[in-house]
C-alpha cells in the first residue's frame, strides 16, 4: 500500500506560514507597546521631577519668571505625555488586533491538522486491514497446502 500523503499539505504549509507571520506581527506589536510604555514612564518621572523643582524653587523664593518657565515646561511635558498616552492606547488596540489575527490563523491551521490526523488514522486503519487480509489469505493457502500434503501421504 502507498505511504500516507496529505493532499492539502501545501495549504497546510501556507496556513503555518500565515500563523508564523501573525505571531511575528504580534511580537512586533508587543515590543512597540513596551517601548511606548517605557517612554511614558520616563515622561512621568521627568514631569514629576519638574513639578518637584518648581516646588523647591518656590520654597526658596524664586522669581515669577522662573515659576512661569517651570510651569511652561510642565505644560509641555503634559502635552507630550498626552500624546504618548494616545500612542500607547493605539498600541494596545494593535496588540489586541494582532492577537485576534494570530488566534484566527492558529484555528485555520489546527483545522487542517485535525483533518490530516483523521486522514492519517483512516490510512493507517486501511493499511492494517490490508495487512490482515494478506495474512489471512496466506494462512488459508498454507492450510490448503498442508491439507493437500496430508492427503497425499
Foldseek 3Di string as FASTA:
>chain_A
DDDDDDPCVVVLVVLVVQLVVLVVQLVVLVVVLVVLVVVLVVLVVVLVVLVVVLVVCVVVPHDVVVNVVSVVVSVVSVVVNVVSVVVNVVSVVSNVVSVVSSVVSVVVSVVVVVVSVVVNVVVVVVVVVVVVVVVVVVVVVVVVVVVVVVVVD
